[in-house]
Amino acid sequence: MSIAGNIDISIIIPVIREEKYIENALEQLKARLSRCRWEIIVVDGDEQGGTIAAVTDPLIKSLVSPAGRSLQMNTGAAAASGKI
């Protein structure tokens, strides 16, 4: 697990109204990333930030962006620091 140092992989997750599912999805994802240094960036397309309000892990980067998958992915990519 990592948030500091050299990040191997940045995972960007565009979301909108996924409050019920985000924590479980993040836990499952983190369990599969145990062998690398990672960062996970959740980009909420809801201007109220409903989904990111449900993210409790302080290691997860949470951003708000205009709705639209490409806009959200670009917002996340601009904040990413991983090699991949």
PDB file of N, CA and C in Angstrom:
ATOM      1  N   MET A   1       0.850  -1.174   0.000  1.00  0.00           N
ATOM      2  CA  MET A   1       0.000   0.000   0.000  1.00  0.00           C
ATOM      3  C   MET A   1       0.887   1.224   0.000  1.00  0.00           C
ATOM      4  N   SER A   2       0.420   2.264  -0.647  1.00  0.00           N
ATOM      5  CA  SER A   2       1.238   3.459  -0.693  1.00  0.00           C
ATOM      6  C   SER A   2       0.415   4.682  -1.011  1.00  0.00           C
ATOM      7  N   ILE A   3       0.873   5.782  -0.541  1.00  0.00           N
ATOM      8  CA  ILE A   3       0.389   7.081  -0.990  1.00  0.00           C
ATOM      9  C   ILE A   3       1.606   7.988  -1.086  1.00  0.00           C
ATOM     10  N   ALA A   4       2.667   7.649  -0.367  1.00  0.00           N
ATOM     11  CA  ALA A   4       3.896   8.440  -0.388  1.00  0.00           C
ATOM     12  C   ALA A   4       4.953   7.700  -1.195  1.00  0.00           C
ATOM     13  N   GLY A   5       5.950   8.429  -1.631  1.00  0.00           N
ATOM     14  CA  GLY A   5       7.032   7.812  -2.385  1.00  0.00           C
ATOM     15  C   GLY A   5       6.667   7.644  -3.845  1.00  0.00           C
ATOM     16  N   ASN A   6       7.436   6.819  -4.522  1.00  0.00           N
ATOM     17  CA  ASN A   6       7.200   6.580  -5.941  1.00  0.00           C
ATOM     18  C   ASN A   6       5.995   5.667  -6.120  1.00  0.00           C
ATOM     19  N   ILE A   7       5.015   6.157  -6.818  1.00  0.00           N
ATOM     20  CA  ILE A   7       3.780   5.409  -7.054  1.00  0.00           C
ATOM     21  C   ILE A   7       3.957   4.577  -8.318  1.00  0.00           C
ATOM     22  N   ASP A   8       3.649   3.282  -8.227  1.00  0.00           N
ATOM     23  CA  ASP A   8       3.722   2.417  -9.399  1.00  0.00           C
ATOM     24  C   ASP A   8       2.505   2.589 -10.297  1.00  0.00           C
ATOM     25  N   ILE A   9       1.335   2.618  -9.676  1.00  0.00           N
ATOM     26  CA  ILE A   9       0.105   2.625 -10.464  1.00  0.00           C
ATOM     27  C   ILE A   9      -0.919   3.600  -9.872  1.00  0.00           C
ATOM     28  N   SER A  10      -1.524   4.367 -10.750  1.00  0.00           N
ATOM     29  CA  SER A  10      -2.620   5.265 -10.379  1.00  0.00           C
ATOM     30  C   SER A  10      -3.898   4.694 -10.979  1.00  0.00           C
ATOM     31  N   ILE A  11      -4.899   4.524 -10.141  1.00  0.00           N
ATOM     32  CA  ILE A  11      -6.183   4.012 -10.612  1.00  0.00           C
ATOM     33  C   ILE A  11      -7.210   5.118 -10.445  1.00  0.00           C
ATOM     34  N   ILE A  12      -7.827   5.494 -11.543  1.00  0.00           N
ATOM     35  CA  ILE A  12      -8.816   6.568 -11.545  1.00  0.00           C
ATOM     36  C   ILE A  12     -10.197   5.938 -11.702  1.00  0.00           C
ATOM     37  N   ILE A  13     -11.090   6.291 -10.783  1.00  0.00           N
ATOM     38  CA  ILE A  13     -12.441   5.734 -10.799  1.00  0.00           C
ATOM     39  C   ILE A  13     -13.448   6.874 -10.955  1.00  0.00           C
ATOM     40  N   PRO A  14     -14.049   7.016 -12.149  1.00  0.00           N
ATOM     41  CA  PRO A  14     -15.095   8.016 -12.319  1.00  0.00           C
ATOM     42  C   PRO A  14     -16.402   7.483 -11.731  1.00  0.00           C
ATOM     43  N   VAL A  15     -17.061   8.295 -10.922  1.00  0.00           N
ATOM     44  CA  VAL A  15     -18.291   7.854 -10.257  1.00  0.00           C
ATOM     45  C   VAL A  15     -19.343   8.951 -10.309  1.00  0.00           C
ATOM     46  N   ILE A  16     -20.578   8.526 -10.143  1.00  0.00           N
ATOM     47  CA  ILE A  16     -21.687   9.451  -9.935  1.00  0.00           C
ATOM     48  C   ILE A  16     -22.814   8.661  -9.260  1.00  0.00           C
ATOM     49  N   ARG A  17     -23.236   9.149  -8.116  1.00  0.00           N
ATOM     50  CA  ARG A  17     -24.288   8.502  -7.327  1.00  0.00           C
ATOM     51  C   ARG A  17     -23.991   7.020  -7.053  1.00  0.00           C
ATOM     52  N   GLU A  18     -22.809   6.735  -6.519  1.00  0.00           N
ATOM     53  CA  GLU A  18     -22.392   5.367  -6.192  1.00  0.00           C
ATOM     54  C   GLU A  18     -22.133   5.210  -4.694  1.00  0.00           C
ATOM     55  N   GLU A  19     -22.806   6.018  -3.875  1.00  0.00           N
ATOM     56  CA  GLU A  19     -22.571   6.020  -2.429  1.00  0.00           C
ATOM     57  C   GLU A  19     -22.705   4.632  -1.805  1.00  0.00           C
ATOM     58  N   LYS A  20     -23.660   3.868  -2.262  1.00  0.00           N
ATOM     59  CA  LYS A  20     -23.939   2.559  -1.661  1.00  0.00           C
ATOM     60  C   LYS A  20     -22.842   1.536  -1.948  1.00  0.00           C
ATOM     61  N   TYR A  21     -22.088   1.730  -3.021  1.00  0.00           N
ATOM     62  CA  TYR A  21     -21.183   0.692  -3.501  1.00  0.00           C
ATOM     63  C   TYR A  21     -19.701   1.038  -3.404  1.00  0.00           C
ATOM     64  N   ILE A  22     -19.363   2.296  -3.224  1.00  0.00           N
ATOM     65  CA  ILE A  22     -17.970   2.716  -3.370  1.00  0.00           C
ATOM     66  C   ILE A  22     -17.045   2.085  -2.330  1.00  0.00           C
ATOM     67  N   GLU A  23     -17.444   2.026  -1.079  1.00  0.00           N
ATOM     68  CA  GLU A  23     -16.556   1.480  -0.045  1.00  0.00           C
ATOM     69  C   GLU A  23     -16.216   0.016  -0.312  1.00  0.00           C
ATOM     70  N   ASN A  24     -17.204  -0.783  -0.662  1.00  0.00           N
ATOM     71  CA  ASN A  24     -16.956  -2.185  -0.966  1.00  0.00           C
ATOM     72  C   ASN A  24     -16.040  -2.318  -2.180  1.00  0.00           C
ATOM     73  N   ALA A  25     -16.282  -1.547  -3.205  1.00  0.00           N
ATOM     74  CA  ALA A  25     -15.449  -1.594  -4.408  1.00  0.00           C
ATOM     75  C   ALA A  25     -14.005  -1.223  -4.091  1.00  0.00           C
ATOM     76  N   LEU A  26     -13.812  -0.191  -3.276  1.00  0.00           N
ATOM     77  CA  LEU A  26     -12.459   0.233  -2.919  1.00  0.00           C
ATOM     78  C   LEU A  26     -11.744  -0.823  -2.083  1.00  0.00           C
ATOM     79  N   GLU A  27     -12.442  -1.447  -1.153  1.00  0.00           N
ATOM     80  CA  GLU A  27     -11.836  -2.499  -0.332  1.00  0.00           C
ATOM     81  C   GLU A  27     -11.396  -3.673  -1.192  1.00  0.00           C
ATOM     82  N   GLN A  28     -12.226  -4.076  -2.129  1.00  0.00           N
ATOM     83  CA  GLN A  28     -11.866  -5.177  -3.019  1.00  0.00           C
ATOM     84  C   GLN A  28     -10.671  -4.816  -3.892  1.00  0.00           C
ATOM     85  N   LEU A  29     -10.659  -3.609  -4.395  1.00  0.00           N
ATOM     86  CA  LEU A  29      -9.552  -3.156  -5.230  1.00  0.00           C
ATOM     87  C   LEU A  29      -8.246  -3.114  -4.439  1.00  0.00           C
ATOM     88  N   LYS A  30      -8.271  -2.539  -3.253  1.00  0.00           N
ATOM     89  CA  LYS A  30      -7.062  -2.450  -2.432  1.00  0.00           C
ATOM     90  C   LYS A  30      -6.512  -3.827  -2.091  1.00  0.00           C
ATOM     91  N   ALA A  31      -7.367  -4.806  -1.886  1.00  0.00           N
ATOM     92  CA  ALA A  31      -6.918  -6.164  -1.580  1.00  0.00           C
ATOM     93  C   ALA A  31      -6.122  -6.765  -2.739  1.00  0.00           C
ATOM     94  N   ARG A  32      -6.425  -6.356  -3.949  1.00  0.00           N
ATOM     95  CA  ARG A  32      -5.733  -6.878  -5.129  1.00  0.00           C
ATOM     96  C   ARG A  32      -4.456  -6.112  -5.449  1.00  0.00           C
ATOM     97  N   LEU A  33      -4.245  -4.992  -4.795  1.00  0.00           N
ATOM     98  CA  LEU A  33      -3.081  -4.149  -5.079  1.00  0.00           C
ATOM     99  C   LEU A  33      -1.989  -4.266  -4.014  1.00  0.00           C
ATOM    100  N   SER A  34      -2.018  -5.308  -3.239  1.00  0.00           N
ATOM    101  CA  SER A  34      -1.121  -5.401  -2.095  1.00  0.00           C
ATOM    102  C   SER A  34       0.353  -5.505  -2.460  1.00  0.00           C
ATOM    103  N   ARG A  35       0.673  -5.824  -3.683  1.00  0.00           N
ATOM    104  CA  ARG A  35       2.076  -6.024  -4.068  1.00  0.00           C
ATOM    105  C   ARG A  35       2.701  -4.842  -4.797  1.00  0.00           C
ATOM    106  N   CYS A  36       2.010  -3.721  -4.862  1.00  0.00           N
ATOM    107  CA  CYS A  36       2.601  -2.565  -5.533  1.00  0.00           C
ATOM    108  C   CYS A  36       2.276  -1.287  -4.768  1.00  0.00           C
ATOM    109  N   ARG A  37       2.990  -0.246  -5.119  1.00  0.00           N
ATOM    110  CA  ARG A  37       2.710   1.073  -4.537  1.00  0.00           C
ATOM    111  C   ARG A  37       1.660   1.728  -5.414  1.00  0.00           C
ATOM    112  N   TRP A  38       0.559   2.131  -4.811  1.00  0.00           N
ATOM    113  CA  TRP A  38      -0.593   2.570  -5.577  1.00  0.00           C
ATOM    114  C   TRP A  38      -1.163   3.876  -5.053  1.00  0.00           C
ATOM    115  N   GLU A  39      -1.967   4.468  -5.902  1.00  0.00           N
ATOM    116  CA  GLU A  39      -2.861   5.545  -5.477  1.00  0.00           C
ATOM    117  C   GLU A  39      -4.181   5.314  -6.198  1.00  0.00           C
ATOM    118  N   ILE A  40      -5.254   5.568  -5.483  1.00  0.00           N
ATOM    119  CA  ILE A  40      -6.588   5.466  -6.057  1.00  0.00           C
ATOM    120  C   ILE A  40      -7.199   6.855  -6.010  1.00  0.00           C
ATOM    121  N   ILE A  41      -7.730   7.275  -7.147  1.00  0.00           N
ATOM    122  CA  ILE A  41      -8.340   8.596  -7.269  1.00  0.00           C
ATOM    123  C   ILE A  41      -9.795   8.404  -7.676  1.00  0.00           C
ATOM    124  N   VAL A  42     -10.704   8.821  -6.812  1.00  0.00           N
ATOM    125  CA  VAL A  42     -12.141   8.746  -7.101  1.00  0.00           C
ATOM    126  C   VAL A  42     -12.573  10.137  -7.559  1.00  0.00           C
ATOM    127  N   VAL A  43     -13.144  10.208  -8.751  1.00  0.00           N
ATOM    128  CA  VAL A  43     -13.571  11.494  -9.313  1.00  0.00           C
ATOM    129  C   VAL A  43     -15.088  11.473  -9.463  1.00  0.00           C
ATOM    130  N   ASP A  44     -15.747  12.286  -8.661  1.00  0.00           N
ATOM    131  CA  ASP A  44     -17.205  12.324  -8.609  1.00  0.00           C
ATOM    132  C   ASP A  44     -17.749  13.345  -9.609  1.00  0.00           C
ATOM    133  N   GLY A  45     -18.656  12.893 -10.471  1.00  0.00           N
ATOM    134  CA  GLY A  45     -19.289  13.775 -11.440  1.00  0.00           C
ATOM    135  C   GLY A  45     -20.492  14.512 -10.887  1.00  0.00           C
ATOM    136  N   ASP A  46     -20.821  14.257  -9.643  1.00  0.00           N
ATOM    137  CA  ASP A  46     -21.921  14.952  -8.972  1.00  0.00           C
ATOM    138  C   ASP A  46     -21.338  16.160  -8.257  1.00  0.00           C
ATOM    139  N   GLU A  47     -21.763  17.347  -8.618  1.00  0.00           N
ATOM    140  CA  GLU A  47     -21.193  18.561  -8.024  1.00  0.00           C
ATOM    141  C   GLU A  47     -21.365  18.627  -6.509  1.00  0.00           C
ATOM    142  N   GLN A  48     -22.302  17.875  -5.964  1.00  0.00           N
ATOM    143  CA  GLN A  48     -22.482  17.815  -4.513  1.00  0.00           C
ATOM    144  C   GLN A  48     -21.496  16.851  -3.857  1.00  0.00           C
ATOM    145  N   GLY A  49     -20.814  16.016  -4.659  1.00  0.00           N
ATOM    146  CA  GLY A  49     -19.819  15.101  -4.127  1.00  0.00           C
ATOM    147  C   GLY A  49     -20.389  14.001  -3.265  1.00  0.00           C
ATOM    148  N   GLY A  50     -21.561  13.507  -3.611  1.00  0.00           N
ATOM    149  CA  GLY A  50     -22.227  12.488  -2.803  1.00  0.00           C
ATOM    150  C   GLY A  50     -21.429  11.207  -2.641  1.00  0.00           C
ATOM    151  N   THR A  51     -20.797  10.749  -3.709  1.00  0.00           N
ATOM    152  CA  THR A  51     -20.041   9.502  -3.621  1.00  0.00           C
ATOM    153  C   THR A  51     -18.756   9.698  -2.829  1.00  0.00           C
ATOM    154  N   ILE A  52     -18.037  10.771  -3.089  1.00  0.00           N
ATOM    155  CA  ILE A  52     -16.777  10.944  -2.355  1.00  0.00           C
ATOM    156  C   ILE A  52     -17.018  11.230  -0.878  1.00  0.00           C
ATOM    157  N   ALA A  53     -18.199  11.712  -0.546  1.00  0.00           N
ATOM    158  CA  ALA A  53     -18.520  11.899   0.873  1.00  0.00           C
ATOM    159  C   ALA A  53     -18.595  10.550   1.583  1.00  0.00           C
ATOM    160  N   ALA A  54     -18.859   9.476   0.832  1.00  0.00           N
ATOM    161  CA  ALA A  54     -18.950   8.141   1.403  1.00  0.00           C
ATOM    162  C   ALA A  54     -17.598   7.434   1.489  1.00  0.00           C
ATOM    163  N   VAL A  55     -16.554   8.016   0.915  1.00  0.00           N
ATOM    164  CA  VAL A  55     -15.211   7.422   0.959  1.00  0.00           C
ATOM    165  C   VAL A  55     -14.584   7.765   2.304  1.00  0.00           C
ATOM    166  N   THR A  56     -14.243   6.733   3.072  1.00  0.00           N
ATOM    167  CA  THR A  56     -13.725   6.957   4.422  1.00  0.00           C
ATOM    168  C   THR A  56     -12.214   6.796   4.536  1.00  0.00           C
ATOM    169  N   ASP A  57     -11.578   6.164   3.571  1.00  0.00           N
ATOM    170  CA  ASP A  57     -10.133   5.926   3.626  1.00  0.00           C
ATOM    171  C   ASP A  57      -9.380   7.208   3.288  1.00  0.00           C
ATOM    172  N   PRO A  58      -8.560   7.728   4.215  1.00  0.00           N
ATOM    173  CA  PRO A  58      -7.835   8.969   3.943  1.00  0.00           C
ATOM    174  C   PRO A  58      -6.748   8.825   2.876  1.00  0.00           C
ATOM    175  N   LEU A  59      -6.392   7.602   2.504  1.00  0.00           N
ATOM    176  CA  LEU A  59      -5.391   7.394   1.453  1.00  0.00           C
ATOM    177  C   LEU A  59      -5.967   7.535   0.051  1.00  0.00           C
ATOM    178  N   ILE A  60      -7.287   7.547  -0.049  1.00  0.00           N
ATOM    179  CA  ILE A  60      -7.945   7.682  -1.351  1.00  0.00           C
ATOM    180  C   ILE A  60      -8.082   9.161  -1.680  1.00  0.00           C
ATOM    181  N   LYS A  61      -7.576   9.548  -2.869  1.00  0.00           N
ATOM    182  CA  LYS A  61      -7.759  10.920  -3.324  1.00  0.00           C
ATOM    183  C   LYS A  61      -9.183  11.053  -3.843  1.00  0.00           C
ATOM    184  N   SER A  62      -9.857  12.103  -3.445  1.00  0.00           N
ATOM    185  CA  SER A  62     -11.240  12.334  -3.867  1.00  0.00           C
ATOM    186  C   SER A  62     -11.346  13.696  -4.525  1.00  0.00           C
ATOM    187  N   LEU A  63     -11.877  13.723  -5.727  1.00  0.00           N
ATOM    188  CA  LEU A  63     -12.020  14.956  -6.496  1.00  0.00           C
ATOM    189  C   LEU A  63     -13.444  15.070  -7.030  1.00  0.00           C
ATOM    190  N   VAL A  64     -13.851  16.289  -7.318  1.00  0.00           N
ATOM    191  CA  VAL A  64     -15.134  16.552  -7.970  1.00  0.00           C
ATOM    192  C   VAL A  64     -14.835  17.153  -9.333  1.00  0.00           C
ATOM    193  N   SER A  65     -15.603  16.744 -10.323  1.00  0.00           N
ATOM    194  CA  SER A  65     -15.406  17.190 -11.699  1.00  0.00           C
ATOM    195  C   SER A  65     -16.775  17.369 -12.343  1.00  0.00           C
ATOM    196  N   PRO A  66     -16.852  18.111 -13.436  1.00  0.00           N
ATOM    197  CA  PRO A  66     -18.102  18.106 -14.187  1.00  0.00           C
ATOM    198  C   PRO A  66     -18.422  16.667 -14.612  1.00  0.00           C
ATOM    199  N   ALA A  67     -19.703  16.342 -14.700  1.00  0.00           N
ATOM    200  CA  ALA A  67     -20.110  14.998 -15.089  1.00  0.00           C
ATOM    201  C   ALA A  67     -19.681  14.681 -16.511  1.00  0.00           C
ATOM    202  N   GLY A  68     -19.363  13.431 -16.728  1.00  0.00           N
ATOM    203  CA  GLY A  68     -18.926  12.957 -18.039  1.00  0.00           C
ATOM    204  C   GLY A  68     -17.663  12.138 -17.854  1.00  0.00           C
ATOM    205  N   ARG A  69     -17.691  10.907 -18.320  1.00  0.00           N
ATOM    206  CA  ARG A  69     -16.576  10.001 -18.063  1.00  0.00           C
ATOM    207  C   ARG A  69     -15.235  10.586 -18.491  1.00  0.00           C
ATOM    208  N   SER A  70     -15.163  11.146 -19.695  1.00  0.00           N
ATOM    209  CA  SER A  70     -13.873  11.668 -20.166  1.00  0.00           C
ATOM    210  C   SER A  70     -13.421  12.861 -19.327  1.00  0.00           C
ATOM    211  N   LEU A  71     -14.341  13.728 -18.935  1.00  0.00           N
ATOM    212  CA  LEU A  71     -13.975  14.864 -18.085  1.00  0.00           C
ATOM    213  C   LEU A  71     -13.462  14.393 -16.733  1.00  0.00           C
ATOM    214  N   GLN A  72     -14.134  13.400 -16.179  1.00  0.00           N
ATOM    215  CA  GLN A  72     -13.732  12.865 -14.884  1.00  0.00           C
ATOM    216  C   GLN A  72     -12.383  12.153 -14.983  1.00  0.00           C
ATOM    217  N   MET A  73     -12.171  11.377 -16.033  1.00  0.00           N
ATOM    218  CA  MET A  73     -10.896  10.678 -16.213  1.00  0.00           C
ATOM    219  C   MET A  73      -9.754  11.681 -16.411  1.00  0.00           C
ATOM    220  N   ASN A  74     -10.004  12.737 -17.163  1.00  0.00           N
ATOM    221  CA  ASN A  74      -8.974  13.754 -17.369  1.00  0.00           C
ATOM    222  C   ASN A  74      -8.644  14.483 -16.069  1.00  0.00           C
ATOM    223  N   THR A  75      -9.644  14.760 -15.260  1.00  0.00           N
ATOM    224  CA  THR A  75      -9.419  15.393 -13.958  1.00  0.00           C
ATOM    225  C   THR A  75      -8.560  14.487 -13.084  1.00  0.00           C
ATOM    226  N   GLY A  76      -8.894  13.211 -13.064  1.00  0.00           N
ATOM    227  CA  GLY A  76      -8.108  12.256 -12.287  1.00  0.00           C
ATOM    228  C   GLY A  76      -6.690  12.121 -12.811  1.00  0.00           C
ATOM    229  N   ALA A  77      -6.534  12.071 -14.123  1.00  0.00           N
ATOM    230  CA  ALA A  77      -5.196  11.933 -14.727  1.00  0.00           C
ATOM    231  C   ALA A  77      -4.317  13.131 -14.395  1.00  0.00           C
ATOM    232  N   ALA A  78      -4.916  14.312 -14.335  1.00  0.00           N
ATOM    233  CA  ALA A  78      -4.135  15.508 -14.005  1.00  0.00           C
ATOM    234  C   ALA A  78      -3.612  15.463 -12.570  1.00  0.00           C
ATOM    235  N   ALA A  79      -4.303  14.734 -11.690  1.00  0.00           N
ATOM    236  CA  ALA A  79      -3.886  14.630 -10.302  1.00  0.00           C
ATOM    237  C   ALA A  79      -3.032  13.394 -10.026  1.00  0.00           C
ATOM    238  N   ALA A  80      -2.913  12.508 -10.993  1.00  0.00           N
ATOM    239  CA  ALA A  80      -2.210  11.233 -10.815  1.00  0.00           C
ATOM    240  C   ALA A  80      -0.698  11.419 -10.814  1.00  0.00           C
ATOM    241  N   SER A  81      -0.023  10.566 -10.034  1.00  0.00           N
ATOM    242  CA  SER A  81       1.436  10.625  -9.985  1.00  0.00           C
ATOM    243  C   SER A  81       2.092   9.277 -10.244  1.00  0.00           C
ATOM    244  N   GLY A  82       1.318   8.266 -10.632  1.00  0.00           N
ATOM    245  CA  GLY A  82       1.855   6.937 -10.867  1.00  0.00           C
ATOM    246  C   GLY A  82       2.577   6.819 -12.192  1.00  0.00           C
ATOM    247  N   LYS A  83       3.428   5.792 -12.276  1.00  0.00           N
ATOM    248  CA  LYS A  83       4.133   5.484 -13.531  1.00  0.00           C
ATOM    249  C   LYS A  83       3.157   4.960 -14.574  1.00  0.00           C
ATOM    250  N   ILE A  84       2.134   4.262 -14.101  1.00  0.00           N
ATOM    251  CA  ILE A  84       1.132   3.683 -14.997  1.00  0.00           C
ATOM    252  C   ILE A  84      -0.211   4.257 -14.618  1.00  0.00           C
TER     253      ILE A  84
END
